[in-house]
Amino acid sequence: MNSWQSIRTMIERTATAKGRAASGCFSIEGTRLHERALRAGIYPKAVLVSEAVWQTPGERETAVLHQLTQHNVPLHAIPNDEMARLTQGRQLGGLLGLVPLPEPVDLPTWLAAHPAPTLLVAVDVVDPGNVGGMMRTAHALGADLFIAAGGSDPYHPRAVRTSMGSLFKLPLVTCSLADLWAALRPYPVQTIGTVAENGVPLPDFVWGVGGTAVFMGSEYFGLPEAVLNQLDALVTIPMTPGIDSFSVNAAAAIVLYERLRKA
């Protein structure tokens, strides 16, 4: 087996949560994500480079490949048709990297060291593109931590791509809801969730003076009843009549913007 073939097999395994857990790695695709990983001091274990980029790299690809070589990251040329198959034809720069999963963040320890934080909690958000978008939104609007609870999967390849590198900058925790509640309990963190109706209108909501955890639920079902019953407050974003909900990422952006605006 050629060296690129073994790396390809490892990258293919990162498409599933089980494969990522077994390998201890996730994958990143494209020039921009490699640039942002390197900028954050994160170095892949190995990188596949399409033959087109290997033979005639652009200016940005040349800079990335130079940095990777400087840090002794193994580079493997892969046939263009194989790269196209792996990337499903996406034209993001002809680079596919295998990156070690970071050491887990211990949530109780993190909370003890960060008074009055703003947290964005994704509860069972099914679409990994939405999870990645929410990480980018959280990063852009000043959240201190992103929490993927339940079935939300921040290291799915689509979530990684959609985060546009924010997962390299924003602290990230994956945990169960039970562990999340246990970690939050000792701290004065106000927990709020969005509901389509009968919540406090968001413009009228009075924010607490301590930390805030914004809970966002499934695209299809919203937050589970068991979660809603434990939250300190429920808010509703005003909408045009006849519209029943925002997308989960848009709702998260609106709530975090309002939190930032009134901080």
Protein backbone atom coordinates (compact mmCIF):
# COMPACT_ATOMS: atom_id res chain seq x y z
CA MET A 1 0.00 0.00 0.00
CA ASN A 2 1.31 3.46 -0.92
CA SER A 3 1.79 5.89 1.94
CA TRP A 4 -1.04 8.11 0.66
CA GLN A 5 -3.38 5.14 0.68
CA SER A 6 -2.86 4.45 4.38
CA ILE A 7 -3.43 8.13 5.23
CA ARG A 8 -6.52 8.17 2.99
CA THR A 9 -7.92 5.19 4.92
CA MET A 10 -7.30 6.98 8.23
CA ILE A 11 -8.99 10.15 6.96
CA GLU A 12 -11.98 8.14 5.73
CA ARG A 13 -12.38 6.73 9.25
CA THR A 14 -12.70 10.23 10.69
CA ALA A 15 -16.04 10.61 8.90
CA THR A 16 -17.77 8.88 11.84
CA ALA A 17 -17.72 9.57 15.57
CA LYS A 18 -16.71 5.96 16.19
CA GLY A 19 -13.82 6.24 13.76
CA ARG A 20 -12.62 9.49 15.33
CA ALA A 21 -12.77 7.98 18.81
CA ALA A 22 -10.80 4.92 17.67
CA SER A 23 -8.15 6.91 15.79
CA GLY A 24 -7.93 9.90 18.13
CA CYS A 25 -8.02 12.17 15.08
CA PHE A 26 -10.33 14.33 12.98
CA SER A 27 -9.81 15.68 9.48
CA ILE A 28 -9.48 19.17 8.06
CA GLU A 29 -9.99 20.08 4.42
CA GLY A 30 -8.74 22.92 2.30
CA THR A 31 -6.14 25.65 2.34
CA ARG A 32 -8.00 28.00 4.67
CA LEU A 33 -8.49 25.46 7.46
CA HIS A 34 -4.83 24.47 7.29
CA GLU A 35 -3.83 28.13 7.49
CA ARG A 36 -6.01 28.67 10.54
CA ALA A 37 -4.87 25.48 12.23
CA LEU A 38 -1.24 26.49 11.79
CA ARG A 39 -2.00 30.00 13.01
CA ALA A 40 -3.45 28.45 16.17
CA GLY A 41 -0.36 26.28 16.67
CA ILE A 42 -2.12 23.07 15.65
CA TYR A 43 -0.14 20.72 13.42
CA PRO A 44 -1.57 17.75 11.50
CA LYS A 45 -0.10 14.28 11.86
CA ALA A 46 -0.07 13.98 8.07
CA VAL A 47 -1.46 15.84 5.05
CA LEU A 48 -2.63 14.57 1.67
CA VAL A 49 -1.84 16.96 -1.19
CA SER A 50 -3.53 16.63 -4.56
CA GLU A 51 -1.11 16.09 -7.43
CA ALA A 52 -2.27 19.39 -8.97
CA VAL A 53 -1.26 21.33 -5.86
CA TRP A 54 1.85 19.21 -5.35
CA GLN A 55 3.10 20.05 -8.84
CA THR A 56 1.90 23.67 -9.11
CA PRO A 57 0.94 25.11 -5.74
CA GLY A 58 -0.51 28.60 -5.53
CA GLU A 59 0.97 31.26 -3.29
CA ARG A 60 -1.15 30.34 -0.27
CA GLU A 61 -0.61 26.60 -0.74
CA THR A 62 3.14 27.19 -1.05
CA ALA A 63 3.16 29.04 2.28
CA VAL A 64 1.13 26.29 3.99
CA LEU A 65 3.30 23.50 2.59
CA HIS A 66 6.42 25.36 3.70
CA GLN A 67 5.13 25.69 7.26
CA LEU A 68 4.09 22.05 7.35
CA THR A 69 7.53 20.97 6.15
CA GLN A 70 9.20 23.20 8.74
CA HIS A 71 7.25 21.37 11.45
CA ASN A 72 8.11 17.94 10.03
CA VAL A 73 4.52 17.16 9.04
CA PRO A 74 4.55 14.26 6.54
CA LEU A 75 3.13 15.28 3.15
CA HIS A 76 1.77 12.73 0.69
CA ALA A 77 0.85 13.41 -2.94
CA ILE A 78 -2.47 11.81 -3.89
CA PRO A 79 -3.94 11.41 -7.40
CA ASN A 80 -6.35 14.18 -8.33
CA ASP A 81 -9.24 11.77 -8.88
CA GLU A 82 -8.75 10.27 -5.41
CA MET A 83 -8.73 13.72 -3.83
CA ALA A 84 -11.89 14.63 -5.74
CA ARG A 85 -13.55 11.47 -4.42
CA LEU A 86 -12.56 12.20 -0.84
CA THR A 87 -13.72 15.80 -1.03
CA GLN A 88 -16.82 15.02 -3.11
CA GLY A 89 -15.59 17.52 -5.66
CA ARG A 90 -15.28 20.49 -3.31
CA GLN A 91 -12.63 22.95 -4.50
CA LEU A 92 -11.13 24.16 -1.23
CA GLY A 93 -7.45 23.92 -2.02
CA GLY A 94 -6.36 20.31 -2.51
CA LEU A 95 -5.23 19.64 1.06
CA LEU A 96 -6.61 17.06 3.51
CA GLY A 97 -5.07 16.87 6.95
CA LEU A 98 -5.29 14.35 9.77
CA VAL A 99 -5.32 16.26 13.08
CA PRO A 100 -5.12 14.81 16.61
CA LEU A 101 -8.23 15.39 18.70
CA PRO A 102 -7.41 17.91 21.43
CA GLU A 103 -7.21 16.96 25.07
CA PRO A 104 -10.71 17.20 26.57
CA VAL A 105 -11.50 20.40 28.48
CA ASP A 106 -12.55 19.61 32.04
CA LEU A 107 -15.70 21.69 32.42
CA PRO A 108 -15.75 22.07 36.24
CA THR A 109 -12.10 23.18 36.20
CA TRP A 110 -12.76 25.59 33.33
CA LEU A 111 -15.79 27.13 35.05
CA ALA A 112 -13.82 27.61 38.27
CA ALA A 113 -11.24 29.64 36.36
CA HIS A 114 -13.69 31.77 34.33
CA PRO A 115 -16.07 33.96 36.35
CA ALA A 116 -19.15 35.27 34.54
CA PRO A 117 -18.62 33.42 31.24
CA THR A 118 -20.92 33.37 28.21
CA LEU A 119 -21.58 29.81 27.04
CA LEU A 120 -23.37 28.56 23.94
CA VAL A 121 -24.82 25.09 24.45
CA ALA A 122 -25.92 23.00 21.45
CA VAL A 123 -28.28 20.26 22.65
CA ASP A 124 -28.81 17.41 20.17
CA VAL A 125 -28.29 19.63 17.13
CA VAL A 126 -28.47 17.04 14.37
CA ASP A 127 -26.98 18.75 11.32
CA PRO A 128 -23.19 19.02 11.69
CA GLY A 129 -23.28 22.05 9.41
CA ASN A 130 -25.43 23.80 12.00
CA VAL A 131 -23.02 22.77 14.77
CA GLY A 132 -20.10 24.24 12.83
CA GLY A 133 -22.06 27.39 12.08
CA MET A 134 -22.92 27.78 15.75
CA MET A 135 -19.23 27.48 16.70
CA ARG A 136 -18.41 30.25 14.24
CA THR A 137 -21.28 32.37 15.58
CA ALA A 138 -20.21 31.81 19.18
CA HIS A 139 -16.66 32.82 18.34
CA ALA A 140 -17.77 35.92 16.42
CA LEU A 141 -20.10 37.13 19.17
CA GLY A 142 -17.77 36.79 22.11
CA ALA A 143 -18.86 33.52 23.71
CA ASP A 144 -16.19 32.10 25.98
CA LEU A 145 -17.01 28.42 25.52
CA PHE A 146 -18.98 26.20 23.13
CA ILE A 147 -20.61 23.12 24.63
CA ALA A 148 -21.76 20.25 22.41
CA ALA A 149 -24.24 18.30 24.53
CA GLY A 150 -25.97 15.05 23.71
CA GLY A 151 -25.85 14.22 20.02
CA SER A 152 -24.19 17.43 18.76
CA ASP A 153 -20.98 16.49 16.92
CA PRO A 154 -18.42 19.31 16.57
CA TYR A 155 -15.70 17.17 14.96
CA HIS A 156 -17.79 15.81 12.10
CA PRO A 157 -15.99 16.84 8.87
CA ARG A 158 -18.87 19.11 7.83
CA ALA A 159 -18.95 20.80 11.25
CA VAL A 160 -15.20 21.38 11.03
CA ARG A 161 -15.49 22.91 7.55
CA THR A 162 -18.43 25.13 8.49
CA SER A 163 -16.70 26.40 11.63
CA MET A 164 -14.19 28.10 9.31
CA GLY A 165 -11.46 27.55 11.88
CA SER A 166 -13.36 28.80 14.92
CA LEU A 167 -12.98 25.41 16.61
CA PHE A 168 -9.23 26.10 16.72
CA LYS A 169 -9.80 29.32 18.67
CA LEU A 170 -12.91 28.81 20.83
CA PRO A 171 -12.67 26.42 23.80
CA LEU A 172 -14.91 23.42 23.19
CA VAL A 173 -16.49 20.86 25.51
CA THR A 174 -18.43 17.74 24.58
CA CYS A 175 -20.46 16.24 27.41
CA SER A 176 -23.72 14.69 28.47
CA LEU A 177 -26.54 16.86 29.78
CA ALA A 178 -26.21 15.23 33.19
CA ASP A 179 -22.52 16.18 33.40
CA LEU A 180 -23.32 19.70 32.18
CA TRP A 181 -25.94 20.32 34.87
CA ALA A 182 -23.62 18.93 37.54
CA ALA A 183 -20.80 21.23 36.43
CA LEU A 184 -23.01 24.35 36.27
CA ARG A 185 -24.74 23.81 39.61
CA PRO A 186 -22.08 25.38 41.88
CA TYR A 187 -21.80 28.58 39.82
CA PRO A 188 -24.08 31.62 39.36
CA VAL A 189 -24.58 31.00 35.65
CA GLN A 190 -27.98 32.08 34.36
CA THR A 191 -29.35 29.38 32.03
CA ILE A 192 -31.72 30.46 29.28
CA GLY A 193 -33.32 28.74 26.31
CA THR A 194 -35.25 29.86 23.27
CA VAL A 195 -38.83 28.82 22.59
CA ALA A 196 -40.97 29.73 19.59
CA GLU A 197 -43.74 31.20 21.74
CA ASN A 198 -44.72 32.11 25.30
CA GLY A 199 -41.22 33.00 26.41
CA VAL A 200 -40.13 36.44 27.60
CA PRO A 201 -39.77 38.60 24.46
CA LEU A 202 -36.02 38.83 23.90
CA PRO A 203 -35.93 42.68 23.78
CA ASP A 204 -37.57 42.75 27.24
CA PHE A 205 -35.42 40.10 28.86
CA VAL A 206 -33.40 41.14 31.92
CA TRP A 207 -29.98 39.55 31.83
CA GLY A 208 -28.28 38.47 35.04
CA VAL A 209 -25.05 39.99 36.28
CA GLY A 210 -23.15 36.70 36.39
CA GLY A 211 -22.44 34.19 33.67
CA THR A 212 -24.92 33.15 31.00
CA ALA A 213 -25.47 29.80 29.29
CA VAL A 214 -27.59 30.01 26.14
CA PHE A 215 -29.19 26.64 25.31
CA MET A 216 -30.19 25.86 21.72
CA GLY A 217 -32.05 22.68 20.82
CA SER A 218 -32.63 20.36 17.90
CA GLU A 219 -33.55 21.89 14.55
CA TYR A 220 -36.69 19.75 14.48
CA PHE A 221 -37.88 19.49 18.06
CA GLY A 222 -36.23 22.36 19.93
CA LEU A 223 -35.09 21.84 23.49
CA PRO A 224 -36.37 18.73 25.29
CA GLU A 225 -39.03 19.29 27.92
CA ALA A 226 -36.67 17.96 30.59
CA VAL A 227 -34.16 20.70 29.70
CA LEU A 228 -36.78 23.46 29.49
CA ASN A 229 -37.95 22.60 33.00
CA GLN A 230 -34.46 23.12 34.42
CA LEU A 231 -33.64 26.43 32.77
CA ASP A 232 -33.80 29.71 34.67
CA ALA A 233 -35.62 31.52 31.86
CA LEU A 234 -37.18 31.04 28.43
CA VAL A 235 -37.05 33.72 25.77
CA THR A 236 -38.87 34.16 22.48
CA ILE A 237 -37.42 36.07 19.53
CA PRO A 238 -40.06 38.29 17.88
CA MET A 239 -40.84 37.11 14.35
CA THR A 240 -42.93 38.17 11.38
CA PRO A 241 -46.46 36.71 11.64
CA GLY A 242 -46.76 33.40 9.83
CA ILE A 243 -43.15 32.35 10.53
CA ASP A 244 -42.84 29.71 13.22
CA SER A 245 -39.09 29.67 13.90
CA PHE A 246 -35.60 30.84 12.99
CA SER A 247 -32.86 28.43 11.99
CA VAL A 248 -30.95 27.27 15.07
CA ASN A 249 -27.81 29.17 14.07
CA ALA A 250 -29.73 32.38 13.32
CA ALA A 251 -31.50 32.14 16.68
CA ALA A 252 -28.19 31.61 18.47
CA ALA A 253 -26.71 34.64 16.71
CA ILE A 254 -29.66 36.87 17.66
CA VAL A 255 -29.58 35.85 21.33
CA LEU A 256 -25.79 36.17 21.64
CA TYR A 257 -25.85 39.55 19.90
CA GLU A 258 -28.50 40.79 22.31
CA ARG A 259 -26.45 39.47 25.24
CA LEU A 260 -23.35 41.25 23.94
CA ARG A 261 -25.28 44.45 23.25
CA LYS A 262 -26.64 44.62 26.79
CA ALA A 263 -23.51 43.47 28.59
